[in-house]
Amino acid sequence: MQHTEVYARTARPAVFLIEPEQVVRSALEYILRERYGTHAFASMDEAVASPMKAPAVVLIGIAILRDRGEEVLAELSTVFATTKILLVAERICDPVAQAGLKQGAHGVISNPISFDSVCDAVRVVLGAPDFPGAPSRLVRVAFG
């Protein structure tokens, strides 16, 4: 129950969307804008240069990891120390997505991208309770 209270008190957490494809970036922004303070960027450089330095969650397209390498996750963790990172990939089993999970990403949102799958993934990674039996497109990673 404590997670519910923490989540309910947080007013419109900030979410960065870093995705080079305009169509995907716009769709994600449309899905999240009612519940979160969304800030969309086409590149890592734009996001890092943003005056807002503490998003609660970063959604990053897998294409950026392919182009810049897995060290992007280390860079995100350094720049945004307390931020949760979700990868946006076509498939959960994508080798780059799996490597990203091993490098510290908190989950993967995969196709089919929908209002429910994206909002549920962000909600869960922010610490809201997960509803048993409800489908989720988020791959959870346990840290030991």
C-alpha atoms as a PDB file:
ATOM      1  CA  MET A   1       0.000   0.000   0.000  1.00  0.00           C
ATOM      2  CA  GLN A   2       2.874   2.338   0.619  1.00  0.00           C
ATOM      3  CA  HIS A   3       3.740   2.353  -3.103  1.00  0.00           C
ATOM      4  CA  THR A   4       0.210   3.459  -3.939  1.00  0.00           C
ATOM      5  CA  GLU A   5       0.489   6.470  -1.631  1.00  0.00           C
ATOM      6  CA  VAL A   6       3.853   7.513  -3.038  1.00  0.00           C
ATOM      7  CA  TYR A   7       2.577   7.198  -6.590  1.00  0.00           C
ATOM      8  CA  ALA A   8      -0.649   9.077  -5.855  1.00  0.00           C
ATOM      9  CA  ARG A   9       1.228  12.021  -4.291  1.00  0.00           C
ATOM     10  CA  THR A  10       3.511  12.483  -7.272  1.00  0.00           C
ATOM     11  CA  ALA A  11       1.964  15.127  -9.510  1.00  0.00           C
ATOM     12  CA  ARG A  12       2.708  14.508 -13.177  1.00  0.00           C
ATOM     13  CA  PRO A  13       6.164  12.972 -13.033  1.00  0.00           C
ATOM     14  CA  ALA A  14       8.481  14.057 -15.841  1.00  0.00           C
ATOM     15  CA  VAL A  15       9.111  11.575 -18.643  1.00  0.00           C
ATOM     16  CA  PHE A  16      11.750  12.003 -21.330  1.00  0.00           C
ATOM     17  CA  LEU A  17      11.102  10.294 -24.672  1.00  0.00           C
ATOM     18  CA  ILE A  18      14.277   9.818 -26.684  1.00  0.00           C
ATOM     19  CA  GLU A  19      13.399   8.341 -30.062  1.00  0.00           C
ATOM     20  CA  PRO A  20      14.823   9.244 -33.480  1.00  0.00           C
ATOM     21  CA  GLU A  21      11.692   8.192 -35.426  1.00  0.00           C
ATOM     22  CA  GLN A  22       9.193  11.067 -35.407  1.00  0.00           C
ATOM     23  CA  VAL A  23       6.140   8.809 -35.748  1.00  0.00           C
ATOM     24  CA  VAL A  24       7.095   6.665 -32.747  1.00  0.00           C
ATOM     25  CA  ARG A  25       8.123   9.690 -30.693  1.00  0.00           C
ATOM     26  CA  SER A  26       4.815  11.449 -31.433  1.00  0.00           C
ATOM     27  CA  ALA A  27       2.783   8.336 -30.609  1.00  0.00           C
ATOM     28  CA  LEU A  28       4.545   7.895 -27.269  1.00  0.00           C
ATOM     29  CA  GLU A  29       4.118  11.567 -26.443  1.00  0.00           C
ATOM     30  CA  TYR A  30       0.413  11.396 -27.302  1.00  0.00           C
ATOM     31  CA  ILE A  31      -0.052   8.325 -25.101  1.00  0.00           C
ATOM     32  CA  LEU A  32       1.735   9.783 -22.066  1.00  0.00           C
ATOM     33  CA  ARG A  33       0.949  13.507 -22.155  1.00  0.00           C
ATOM     34  CA  GLU A  34      -2.301  13.314 -20.162  1.00  0.00           C
ATOM     35  CA  ARG A  35      -0.672  11.627 -17.160  1.00  0.00           C
ATOM     36  CA  TYR A  36       2.935  12.785 -17.271  1.00  0.00           C
ATOM     37  CA  GLY A  37       4.981  15.844 -18.069  1.00  0.00           C
ATOM     38  CA  THR A  38       6.453  14.571 -21.322  1.00  0.00           C
ATOM     39  CA  HIS A  39       9.476  15.991 -23.094  1.00  0.00           C
ATOM     40  CA  ALA A  40      10.296  14.450 -26.483  1.00  0.00           C
ATOM     41  CA  PHE A  41      13.745  14.434 -28.073  1.00  0.00           C
ATOM     42  CA  ALA A  42      15.105  13.010 -31.314  1.00  0.00           C
ATOM     43  CA  SER A  43      18.568  12.356 -29.859  1.00  0.00           C
ATOM     44  CA  MET A  44      20.516  11.781 -26.669  1.00  0.00           C
ATOM     45  CA  ASP A  45      22.344  15.073 -27.183  1.00  0.00           C
ATOM     46  CA  GLU A  46      19.046  17.009 -27.169  1.00  0.00           C
ATOM     47  CA  ALA A  47      17.894  15.257 -23.994  1.00  0.00           C
ATOM     48  CA  VAL A  48      21.159  15.809 -22.135  1.00  0.00           C
ATOM     49  CA  ALA A  49      21.196  19.495 -23.168  1.00  0.00           C
ATOM     50  CA  SER A  50      17.636  19.982 -21.863  1.00  0.00           C
ATOM     51  CA  PRO A  51      17.332  22.460 -18.996  1.00  0.00           C
ATOM     52  CA  MET A  52      15.239  19.885 -17.121  1.00  0.00           C
ATOM     53  CA  LYS A  53      17.729  17.545 -15.476  1.00  0.00           C
ATOM     54  CA  ALA A  54      15.669  15.149 -13.371  1.00  0.00           C
ATOM     55  CA  PRO A  55      13.068  13.115 -15.266  1.00  0.00           C
ATOM     56  CA  ALA A  56      11.472  10.297 -13.311  1.00  0.00           C
ATOM     57  CA  VAL A  57      11.557   8.001 -16.346  1.00  0.00           C
ATOM     58  CA  VAL A  58      13.390   7.938 -19.671  1.00  0.00           C
ATOM     59  CA  LEU A  59      11.963   5.953 -22.579  1.00  0.00           C
ATOM     60  CA  ILE A  60      14.719   5.402 -25.102  1.00  0.00           C
ATOM     61  CA  GLY A  61      14.366   3.853 -28.539  1.00  0.00           C
ATOM     62  CA  ILE A  62      16.458   0.777 -29.196  1.00  0.00           C
ATOM     63  CA  ALA A  63      17.747   2.413 -32.413  1.00  0.00           C
ATOM     64  CA  ILE A  64      19.810   4.789 -30.270  1.00  0.00           C
ATOM     65  CA  LEU A  65      21.502   1.862 -28.529  1.00  0.00           C
ATOM     66  CA  ARG A  66      22.200   0.296 -31.937  1.00  0.00           C
ATOM     67  CA  ASP A  67      23.741   3.541 -33.230  1.00  0.00           C
ATOM     68  CA  ARG A  68      25.680   4.626 -30.147  1.00  0.00           C
ATOM     69  CA  GLY A  69      26.251   1.365 -28.304  1.00  0.00           C
ATOM     70  CA  GLU A  70      25.254   0.115 -24.891  1.00  0.00           C
ATOM     71  CA  GLU A  71      27.354   2.794 -23.180  1.00  0.00           C
ATOM     72  CA  VAL A  72      24.354   5.087 -23.773  1.00  0.00           C
ATOM     73  CA  LEU A  73      22.745   3.498 -20.716  1.00  0.00           C
ATOM     74  CA  ALA A  74      25.767   4.282 -18.569  1.00  0.00           C
ATOM     75  CA  GLU A  75      25.658   7.866 -19.843  1.00  0.00           C
ATOM     76  CA  LEU A  76      21.939   8.125 -19.001  1.00  0.00           C
ATOM     77  CA  SER A  77      22.579   6.730 -15.529  1.00  0.00           C
ATOM     78  CA  THR A  78      25.331   9.273 -14.971  1.00  0.00           C
ATOM     79  CA  VAL A  79      23.402  12.292 -16.242  1.00  0.00           C
ATOM     80  CA  PHE A  80      20.060  11.269 -14.706  1.00  0.00           C
ATOM     81  CA  ALA A  81      21.186   9.378 -11.587  1.00  0.00           C
ATOM     82  CA  THR A  82      17.799   8.513 -10.078  1.00  0.00           C
ATOM     83  CA  THR A  83      15.918   8.019 -13.338  1.00  0.00           C
ATOM     84  CA  LYS A  84      14.278   4.746 -14.359  1.00  0.00           C
ATOM     85  CA  ILE A  85      15.106   3.669 -17.919  1.00  0.00           C
ATOM     86  CA  LEU A  86      12.700   1.859 -20.227  1.00  0.00           C
ATOM     87  CA  LEU A  87      13.755   0.623 -23.643  1.00  0.00           C
ATOM     88  CA  VAL A  88      11.321   0.850 -26.550  1.00  0.00           C
ATOM     89  CA  ALA A  89      11.914  -2.078 -28.882  1.00  0.00           C
ATOM     90  CA  GLU A  90      10.077  -3.931 -31.593  1.00  0.00           C
ATOM     91  CA  ARG A  91      10.524  -7.225 -29.743  1.00  0.00           C
ATOM     92  CA  ILE A  92      11.365  -8.087 -26.152  1.00  0.00           C
ATOM     93  CA  CYS A  93      13.742 -10.802 -27.351  1.00  0.00           C
ATOM     94  CA  ASP A  94      15.798  -8.322 -29.414  1.00  0.00           C
ATOM     95  CA  PRO A  95      19.463  -8.999 -28.513  1.00  0.00           C
ATOM     96  CA  VAL A  96      20.165  -5.275 -28.088  1.00  0.00           C
ATOM     97  CA  ALA A  97      17.189  -4.950 -25.715  1.00  0.00           C
ATOM     98  CA  GLN A  98      18.377  -7.960 -23.725  1.00  0.00           C
ATOM     99  CA  ALA A  99      21.882  -6.492 -23.523  1.00  0.00           C
ATOM    100  CA  GLY A 100      20.343  -3.184 -22.411  1.00  0.00           C
ATOM    101  CA  LEU A 101      18.568  -4.955 -19.560  1.00  0.00           C
ATOM    102  CA  LYS A 102      21.887  -6.444 -18.466  1.00  0.00           C
ATOM    103  CA  GLN A 103      23.426  -2.966 -18.608  1.00  0.00           C
ATOM    104  CA  GLY A 104      20.873  -1.486 -16.209  1.00  0.00           C
ATOM    105  CA  ALA A 105      17.660  -0.678 -18.083  1.00  0.00           C
ATOM    106  CA  HIS A 106      14.623  -1.273 -15.892  1.00  0.00           C
ATOM    107  CA  GLY A 107      12.407  -2.799 -18.567  1.00  0.00           C
ATOM    108  CA  VAL A 108      11.355  -3.075 -22.182  1.00  0.00           C
ATOM    109  CA  ILE A 109       8.190  -1.824 -23.833  1.00  0.00           C
ATOM    110  CA  SER A 110       7.612  -3.800 -27.011  1.00  0.00           C
ATOM    111  CA  ASN A 111       5.154  -4.054 -29.879  1.00  0.00           C
ATOM    112  CA  PRO A 112       2.329  -3.812 -30.045  1.00  0.00           C
ATOM    113  CA  ILE A 113       2.698  -0.378 -28.495  1.00  0.00           C
ATOM    114  CA  SER A 114      -0.634   0.675 -27.047  1.00  0.00           C
ATOM    115  CA  PHE A 115      -2.008   3.196 -24.610  1.00  0.00           C
ATOM    116  CA  ASP A 116      -2.330   0.521 -21.914  1.00  0.00           C
ATOM    117  CA  SER A 117       1.080  -1.100 -22.426  1.00  0.00           C
ATOM    118  CA  VAL A 118       2.990   2.181 -22.336  1.00  0.00           C
ATOM    119  CA  CYS A 119       1.070   3.721 -19.418  1.00  0.00           C
ATOM    120  CA  ASP A 120       1.242   0.477 -17.430  1.00  0.00           C
ATOM    121  CA  ALA A 121       4.988   0.169 -17.958  1.00  0.00           C
ATOM    122  CA  VAL A 122       5.651   3.743 -16.826  1.00  0.00           C
ATOM    123  CA  ARG A 123       3.257   3.386 -13.899  1.00  0.00           C
ATOM    124  CA  VAL A 124       4.921   0.166 -12.708  1.00  0.00           C
ATOM    125  CA  VAL A 125       8.478   1.465 -13.052  1.00  0.00           C
ATOM    126  CA  LEU A 126       7.468   4.519 -11.004  1.00  0.00           C
ATOM    127  CA  GLY A 127       6.486   2.204  -8.178  1.00  0.00           C
ATOM    128  CA  ALA A 128       2.728   1.999  -8.538  1.00  0.00           C
ATOM    129  CA  PRO A 129       1.220  -1.360  -7.717  1.00  0.00           C
ATOM    130  CA  ASP A 130       0.902  -3.911 -10.491  1.00  0.00           C
ATOM    131  CA  PHE A 131      -2.534  -5.434 -10.816  1.00  0.00           C
ATOM    132  CA  PRO A 132      -2.445  -9.250 -10.717  1.00  0.00           C
ATOM    133  CA  GLY A 133      -3.726 -10.882 -13.862  1.00  0.00           C
ATOM    134  CA  ALA A 134      -3.465  -7.697 -15.911  1.00  0.00           C
ATOM    135  CA  PRO A 135      -1.316  -8.049 -19.035  1.00  0.00           C
ATOM    136  CA  SER A 136       1.806  -5.943 -19.194  1.00  0.00           C
ATOM    137  CA  ARG A 137       4.347  -5.403 -21.970  1.00  0.00           C
ATOM    138  CA  LEU A 138       7.011  -4.512 -19.389  1.00  0.00           C
ATOM    139  CA  VAL A 139       9.829  -6.936 -18.771  1.00  0.00           C
ATOM    140  CA  ARG A 140      10.819  -6.579 -15.143  1.00  0.00           C
ATOM    141  CA  VAL A 141      14.407  -6.984 -14.059  1.00  0.00           C
ATOM    142  CA  ALA A 142      15.330  -8.053 -10.545  1.00  0.00           C
ATOM    143  CA  PHE A 143      18.380  -6.465  -8.985  1.00  0.00           C
ATOM    144  CA  GLY A 144      20.166  -8.475  -6.341  1.00  0.00           C
END
